Protein backbone atom coordinates (compact mmCIF):
# COMPACT_ATOMS: atom_id res chain seq x y z
CA MET A 1 -3.14 -20.07 19.89
CA PRO A 2 -1.46 -17.14 22.04
CA LEU A 3 -0.75 -14.89 19.24
CA SER A 4 -4.23 -14.48 17.92
CA GLU A 5 -5.30 -13.69 21.72
CA GLU A 6 -3.19 -10.81 21.45
CA ARG A 7 -4.76 -7.48 20.51
CA PRO A 8 -3.51 -6.90 16.96
CA PHE A 9 -2.63 -3.54 14.97
CA VAL A 10 -5.26 -2.58 12.73
CA GLY A 11 -4.39 -0.01 10.08
CA ASN A 12 -5.30 1.39 7.11
CA HIS A 13 -2.93 -0.01 4.18
CA CYS A 14 -2.79 -3.89 3.83
CA GLU A 15 1.12 -4.25 3.46
CA SER A 16 2.07 -1.82 6.08
CA THR A 17 -0.46 -3.07 8.63
CA THR A 18 1.14 -6.16 8.17
CA LEU A 19 4.36 -4.88 8.82
CA VAL A 20 3.45 -3.07 11.97
CA ASN A 21 2.40 -6.47 13.26
CA LEU A 22 5.30 -8.41 12.24
CA LEU A 23 7.62 -5.80 13.99
CA ARG A 24 5.69 -5.72 17.08
CA GLN A 25 6.08 -9.23 17.77
CA TRP A 26 9.84 -8.22 18.16
CA ASP A 27 9.08 -5.13 20.47
CA ILE A 28 9.67 -2.74 17.83
CA ASP A 29 6.69 -0.35 17.93
CA LEU A 30 6.52 2.21 15.06
CA SER A 31 3.45 3.79 13.75
CA GLU A 32 2.14 2.77 10.26
CA ALA A 33 2.64 5.94 8.73
CA PHE A 34 6.22 6.11 10.04
CA VAL A 35 6.80 2.24 8.43
CA PHE A 36 5.34 3.46 5.22
CA GLY A 37 7.65 6.26 5.02
CA LEU A 38 10.69 4.14 6.04
CA ALA A 39 10.19 2.04 3.04
CA GLY A 40 10.08 4.78 0.65
CA GLY A 41 6.34 4.05 0.13
CA LEU A 42 5.15 7.05 -1.70
CA SER A 43 4.90 7.03 -5.46
CA PHE A 44 2.58 6.94 -8.28
CA ILE A 45 1.61 4.46 -10.98
CA TYR A 46 -0.81 4.24 -13.90
CA TRP A 47 -1.21 1.05 -15.66
CA ARG A 48 -3.61 -0.60 -18.29
CA THR A 49 -3.26 -3.64 -20.57
CA LYS A 50 -5.66 -5.31 -23.07
CA GLN A 51 -6.62 -7.72 -20.40
CA MET A 52 -7.58 -5.00 -17.84
CA PRO A 53 -10.95 -3.95 -18.25
CA THR A 54 -10.43 -1.11 -15.38
CA PRO A 55 -6.89 0.95 -15.26
CA PHE A 56 -5.06 0.64 -12.06
CA VAL A 57 -4.47 4.04 -10.59
CA GLY A 58 -2.04 3.72 -7.49
CA GLY A 59 -0.24 5.81 -5.06
CA ARG A 60 2.69 3.60 -3.54
CA ILE A 61 5.85 1.55 -4.79
CA LYS A 62 5.21 -2.12 -6.42
CA PRO A 63 3.76 -4.78 -4.10
CA ASP A 64 6.49 -6.64 -2.01
CA ALA A 65 8.94 -3.73 -2.59
CA LEU A 66 7.50 -1.83 0.84
CA SER A 67 8.30 -5.30 2.81
CA GLU A 68 11.96 -5.56 1.14
CA ASN A 69 12.70 -2.05 1.73
CA LEU A 70 11.57 -1.57 5.28
CA ALA A 71 13.72 -4.91 6.26
CA ASP A 72 16.88 -2.82 4.55
CA ALA A 73 15.76 0.48 6.34
CA LEU A 74 15.58 -1.50 9.88
CA ASN A 75 18.43 -3.77 9.51
CA LEU A 76 16.09 -6.80 9.92
CA HIS A 77 16.04 -10.20 7.97
CA LEU A 78 13.17 -10.57 5.45
CA SER A 79 12.58 -14.46 5.19
CA GLY A 80 10.12 -15.00 2.09
CA HIS A 81 8.65 -18.41 0.97
CA GLU A 82 6.87 -19.03 -2.14
CA THR A 83 5.80 -22.47 -3.84
CA SER A 84 3.31 -23.58 -6.38
CA SER A 85 2.37 -26.16 -3.87
CA ALA A 86 -0.80 -25.70 -1.48
CA ARG A 87 0.47 -28.39 0.57
CA ARG A 88 3.98 -27.14 0.89
CA ALA A 89 2.51 -23.46 1.53
CA ARG A 90 0.16 -24.78 4.26
CA GLU A 91 2.87 -26.74 5.91
CA HIS A 92 5.13 -23.88 5.77
CA LEU A 93 2.64 -21.67 7.42
CA LEU A 94 1.83 -23.87 10.29
CA ALA A 95 5.41 -24.45 10.94
CA GLU A 96 6.02 -20.81 11.39
CA LEU A 97 2.87 -19.97 13.48
CA ASP A 98 3.71 -23.08 15.56
CA SER A 99 7.13 -21.83 16.21
CA GLY A 100 5.43 -18.41 17.52
CA ASN A 101 5.99 -16.33 14.15
CA VAL A 102 3.39 -13.65 12.69
CA VAL A 103 3.64 -14.73 9.36
CA GLY A 104 2.78 -11.98 6.48
CA LEU A 105 0.67 -13.52 3.60
CA LYS A 106 0.04 -12.11 0.31
CA LEU A 107 -3.36 -12.93 -1.32
CA ASP A 108 -6.65 -11.97 -2.90
CA ARG A 109 -9.30 -11.30 -0.43
CA TYR A 110 -12.01 -11.83 -2.76
CA LEU A 111 -11.42 -15.22 -2.53
CA LEU A 112 -11.67 -15.43 1.22
CA ASP A 113 -15.09 -16.71 3.08
CA TYR A 114 -15.64 -13.41 5.00
CA SER A 115 -15.06 -11.44 2.27
CA THR A 116 -17.59 -8.88 0.74
CA ASP A 117 -15.33 -7.30 -1.84
CA ASP A 118 -16.81 -6.99 -5.40
CA PHE A 119 -13.59 -6.73 -7.27
CA ARG A 120 -10.40 -8.88 -7.44
CA PHE A 121 -6.76 -7.71 -6.26
CA ALA A 122 -4.11 -10.38 -5.90
CA ALA A 123 -1.87 -8.02 -4.16
CA HIS A 124 -3.42 -7.95 -0.88
CA TYR A 125 -1.65 -8.51 2.55
CA VAL A 126 -2.73 -10.03 6.11
CA ALA A 127 -0.96 -10.93 9.20
CA CYS A 128 -1.53 -14.44 10.03
CA VAL A 129 -1.37 -14.71 13.74
CA GLY A 130 -2.64 -17.99 14.71
CA HIS A 131 -4.71 -21.26 13.83
CA ASP A 132 -7.39 -23.29 15.22
CA ASP A 133 -7.96 -26.73 13.40
CA ASP A 134 -8.99 -25.95 9.91
CA ARG A 135 -9.44 -22.22 10.81
CA PHE A 136 -6.71 -19.22 10.33
CA ALA A 137 -6.85 -15.90 12.30
CA LEU A 138 -5.90 -13.17 9.83
CA VAL A 139 -5.21 -9.45 10.69
CA GLU A 140 -7.12 -7.25 8.25
CA THR A 141 -7.29 -3.34 7.70
CA LYS A 142 -10.02 -0.99 9.15
CA PRO A 143 -12.91 -1.96 9.67
CA LEU A 144 -12.41 -5.89 9.68
CA GLY A 145 -9.63 -6.15 12.03
CA LEU A 146 -9.09 -9.67 13.34
CA GLN A 147 -10.93 -12.21 11.16
CA TRP A 148 -11.07 -16.22 11.00
CA ALA A 149 -10.77 -17.66 7.36
CA SER A 150 -11.11 -21.57 6.61
CA ALA A 151 -8.47 -23.49 5.20
CA ALA A 152 -9.91 -24.05 2.13
CA SER A 153 -10.73 -20.53 1.50
CA LEU A 154 -7.23 -19.24 2.45
CA ALA A 155 -5.31 -21.89 0.15
CA CYS A 156 -7.54 -20.69 -2.88
CA ALA A 157 -6.71 -16.89 -1.76
CA ARG A 158 -3.20 -17.26 -1.57
CA ASP A 159 -2.66 -18.65 -5.12
CA PRO A 160 -4.58 -16.49 -7.34
CA ARG A 161 -3.74 -15.52 -11.01
CA GLY A 162 -3.36 -11.91 -12.63
CA PRO A 163 -1.70 -8.70 -12.15
CA MET A 164 0.69 -8.52 -9.24
CA SER A 165 -0.07 -11.94 -8.05
CA SER A 166 2.38 -14.54 -6.38
CA ARG A 167 2.05 -18.16 -5.78
CA ASN A 168 1.61 -18.63 -2.19
CA ARG A 169 3.69 -15.74 -0.77
CA ALA A 170 4.52 -15.81 3.07
CA PHE A 171 7.07 -13.77 4.62
CA THR A 172 8.55 -13.05 8.34
CA LEU A 173 10.86 -10.44 9.85
CA GLN A 174 13.54 -11.28 12.33
CA PRO A 175 15.90 -8.80 13.91
CA ARG A 176 19.87 -8.87 12.96
CA LYS A 177 22.86 -8.34 15.24
CA GLY A 178 23.65 -4.86 15.64
CA GLY A 179 19.95 -3.77 16.56
CA LEU A 180 18.17 -0.93 14.84
CA PRO A 181 19.78 1.90 12.97
CA ASP A 182 19.17 5.57 13.87
CA LEU A 183 15.73 6.14 12.87
CA GLY A 184 16.10 9.74 11.78
CA GLU A 185 18.79 8.97 9.08
CA ALA A 186 16.84 5.70 8.15
CA ALA A 187 13.48 8.46 7.69
CA ARG A 188 15.98 10.25 5.66
CA LYS A 189 16.89 7.53 3.35
CA GLY A 190 13.48 6.74 2.78
CA ILE A 191 12.49 10.25 1.91
CA ARG A 192 15.32 10.37 -0.63
CA ALA A 193 14.67 7.17 -2.11
CA ALA A 194 10.77 8.18 -2.47
CA ALA A 195 11.93 11.36 -4.00
CA GLN A 196 14.45 9.98 -6.49
CA GLN A 197 12.01 7.56 -7.86
CA PHE A 198 9.17 10.29 -8.15
CA LEU A 199 11.20 12.72 -9.74
CA ASN A 200 13.06 10.06 -12.08
CA PRO A 201 10.47 7.45 -13.34
CA PRO A 202 11.86 4.83 -15.61
CA ILE A 203 8.72 4.99 -17.92
CA SER A 204 6.12 7.59 -18.38
CA ASN A 205 3.55 5.69 -16.33
CA PHE A 206 5.45 6.18 -12.92
CA GLY A 207 5.90 9.36 -10.56
CA PHE A 208 5.09 12.94 -11.97
CA LYS A 209 5.20 11.96 -15.34
CA GLY A 210 2.52 9.26 -14.79
CA MET A 211 0.25 11.75 -13.06
CA HIS A 212 0.28 14.08 -16.12
CA LYS A 213 -0.33 10.91 -18.48
CA VAL A 214 -3.48 10.20 -16.37
CA ALA A 215 -4.69 13.54 -16.44
CA ASP A 216 -4.47 13.82 -20.22
CA LEU A 217 -6.53 10.36 -20.54
CA MET A 218 -9.21 11.15 -17.81
CA PRO A 219 -11.28 13.48 -20.36
CA ARG A 220 -11.70 10.30 -22.35
CA TRP A 221 -12.64 7.78 -19.98
CA LEU A 222 -16.33 7.79 -20.56
CA ASP A 223 -15.44 6.73 -24.18
CA ASP A 224 -12.63 4.75 -23.67
CA LEU A 225 -13.72 2.03 -20.81
CA ASP A 226 -16.00 -0.65 -21.54
CA SER A 227 -18.05 0.03 -18.34
CA PRO A 228 -17.38 3.43 -17.43
CA ALA A 229 -20.07 3.35 -14.34
CA ASP A 230 -18.42 0.23 -12.96
CA SER A 231 -14.73 1.20 -13.62
CA LEU A 232 -14.73 4.64 -12.25
CA SER A 233 -16.55 3.60 -9.43
CA GLU A 234 -13.90 0.82 -8.63
CA MET A 235 -10.84 3.17 -9.52
CA SER A 236 -12.02 6.02 -6.86
CA THR A 237 -12.46 3.30 -4.52
CA LEU A 238 -8.83 2.26 -4.97
CA MET A 239 -7.90 5.83 -4.88
CA GLU A 240 -9.52 6.79 -1.72
CA ASP A 241 -11.04 3.97 0.35
CA ALA A 242 -9.19 0.52 -0.16
CA GLY A 243 -6.28 1.13 2.10
CA THR A 244 -4.73 4.14 0.93
CA GLY A 245 -5.42 6.05 4.29
CA GLY A 246 -7.18 8.84 2.07
CA GLY A 247 -5.66 10.87 -0.65
CA LEU A 248 -4.02 8.26 -2.77
CA PHE A 249 -1.46 7.40 0.29
CA ARG A 250 -0.52 11.17 0.58
CA THR A 251 -2.51 11.55 4.06
CA MET A 252 0.05 8.53 5.54
CA TRP A 253 3.20 10.40 3.77
CA ALA A 254 2.07 13.67 5.53
CA GLU A 255 2.32 12.00 8.72
CA PHE A 256 5.46 10.39 8.10
CA LEU A 257 6.77 13.57 7.43
CA ALA A 258 5.63 15.06 10.60
CA GLU A 259 7.21 12.43 12.53
CA THR A 260 10.39 13.04 10.63
CA ALA A 261 10.27 16.58 11.52
CA ASP A 262 9.57 15.85 15.30
CA LEU A 263 12.37 13.00 15.33
CA THR A 264 15.03 15.41 13.48
CA GLY A 265 14.26 18.71 14.57
CA THR A 266 14.13 19.86 11.05
CA GLY A 267 11.35 22.10 10.48
CA GLU A 268 11.01 22.02 6.79
CA PHE A 269 10.01 18.41 7.08
CA GLN A 270 6.76 20.01 8.83
CA GLU A 271 6.27 22.34 6.49
CA ILE A 272 6.36 20.16 3.67
CA SER A 273 4.00 17.72 5.68
CA ASP A 274 1.31 20.56 5.77
CA ALA A 275 1.85 21.08 2.02
CA TYR A 276 1.15 17.27 1.38
CA ARG A 277 -2.08 17.43 3.32
CA GLY A 278 -3.25 20.03 1.06
CA VAL A 279 -2.36 17.46 -1.89
CA SER A 280 -3.90 14.89 -0.16
CA GLN A 281 -7.07 16.65 0.19
CA LYS A 282 -6.92 17.24 -3.62
CA TRP A 283 -6.61 13.77 -4.51
CA THR A 284 -9.51 13.11 -2.23
CA ASP A 285 -11.50 15.49 -4.40
CA VAL A 286 -10.24 13.95 -7.77
CA ALA A 287 -11.68 10.27 -6.43
CA GLY A 288 -15.01 12.06 -5.47
CA LEU A 289 -14.98 13.57 -9.24
CA VAL A 290 -14.06 10.05 -10.61
CA ARG A 291 -16.88 8.55 -8.66
CA GLU A 292 -19.55 11.24 -9.90
CA ALA A 293 -18.66 10.99 -13.22
CA GLY A 294 -19.12 6.97 -13.33
CA ALA A 295 -22.52 7.61 -11.38
CA THR A 296 -23.77 10.44 -13.89
CA SER A 297 -21.70 10.17 -16.97
CA SER A 298 -20.49 13.78 -16.28
CA ARG A 299 -17.44 14.63 -18.60
CA ALA A 300 -17.37 17.96 -16.75
CA CYS A 301 -16.42 15.97 -13.49
CA LEU A 302 -13.27 14.02 -15.50
CA ARG A 303 -12.23 17.78 -17.07
CA SER A 304 -12.20 19.06 -13.53
CA ALA A 305 -10.27 15.89 -11.98
CA SER A 306 -7.93 16.21 -15.09
CA THR A 307 -7.19 19.90 -14.33
CA MET A 308 -6.63 18.82 -10.60
CA VAL A 309 -4.07 15.90 -11.32
CA HIS A 310 -2.22 18.29 -13.57
CA GLU A 311 -1.88 20.79 -10.39
CA ALA A 312 -0.98 17.76 -8.23
CA ALA A 313 1.58 16.52 -10.50
CA GLU A 314 3.19 19.95 -10.38
CA GLU A 315 3.02 20.47 -6.74
CA GLU A 316 4.21 17.11 -5.77
CA GLN A 317 7.43 17.45 -8.32
CA HIS A 318 8.04 20.53 -6.56
CA LEU A 319 7.49 19.46 -2.93
CA MET A 320 9.69 16.27 -3.75
CA ARG A 321 12.52 18.26 -5.12
CA ARG A 322 12.41 20.10 -1.76
CA LEU A 323 12.68 16.68 -0.10
CA LEU A 324 15.52 15.82 -2.02
CA GLU A 325 17.41 18.78 -1.31
CA LEU A 326 16.57 18.09 2.45
CA THR A 327 17.96 14.92 2.15
CA SER A 328 20.78 14.66 0.25
């Protein structure tokens, strides 16, 4: 079990943490923020269906896209495997591990035996780095780090149902011939992709339009949600604490822009990075207001949060336009 004996990388966000660990086995050592940015990871989404008791407010591109975009950005081969058979999923995972590969897994952590989560989320990612009899070594985000899960609980967690779920998804990364591209140019492409998507969302639930939509809905949440206390607490957690790195992924984006400024020597990226740190703090404040509204049934908190989200939407629209101009 040599892979799990190495010190794994433990980061903030599940999919980017998993990708950093997949890269490091090939001696590609990039920061989590840079990986997130190369993949054009920043976005905004608001989603709610009749089957969802709690609306989803997210700050990144859709699940699996981060892995796909990173592979394209770094000229890597992404090998994905999905199956409805638990037996084939286990056999595939064991074969990859026994070949010395770190394997990314998509699952619902709620179903793992070490989990203390109190909500379901079917698009969580871990890096599987080894196995020992009927236990598997999984690299989680902070503060969990390296954890061991039983084979039975892992099998359940890998085949959940519900929004954003996959059937036993596993994936690996491998270098292609030609090596890595110029990282400065790759960073510019990631920025451009994120900016274009944010400024030109396919529907009004995404990008800056989605932010304004959420801001309009917020003042009514105490009346519209079945269990406002539970839902608002969960939404606040997902915005700030559940792997976003703080500020709905805006802190990670700011760090990526700062690294890009150093790499390319373009000072305007640093200026926009500084501005995004301010935006990140605004989202942290919004998450706090949403949590307080759930705990106290405060309509004033939701009105304040609504105003701040409208402001953030205007600021981010302006910053993304600047980024698009810089990278076009």
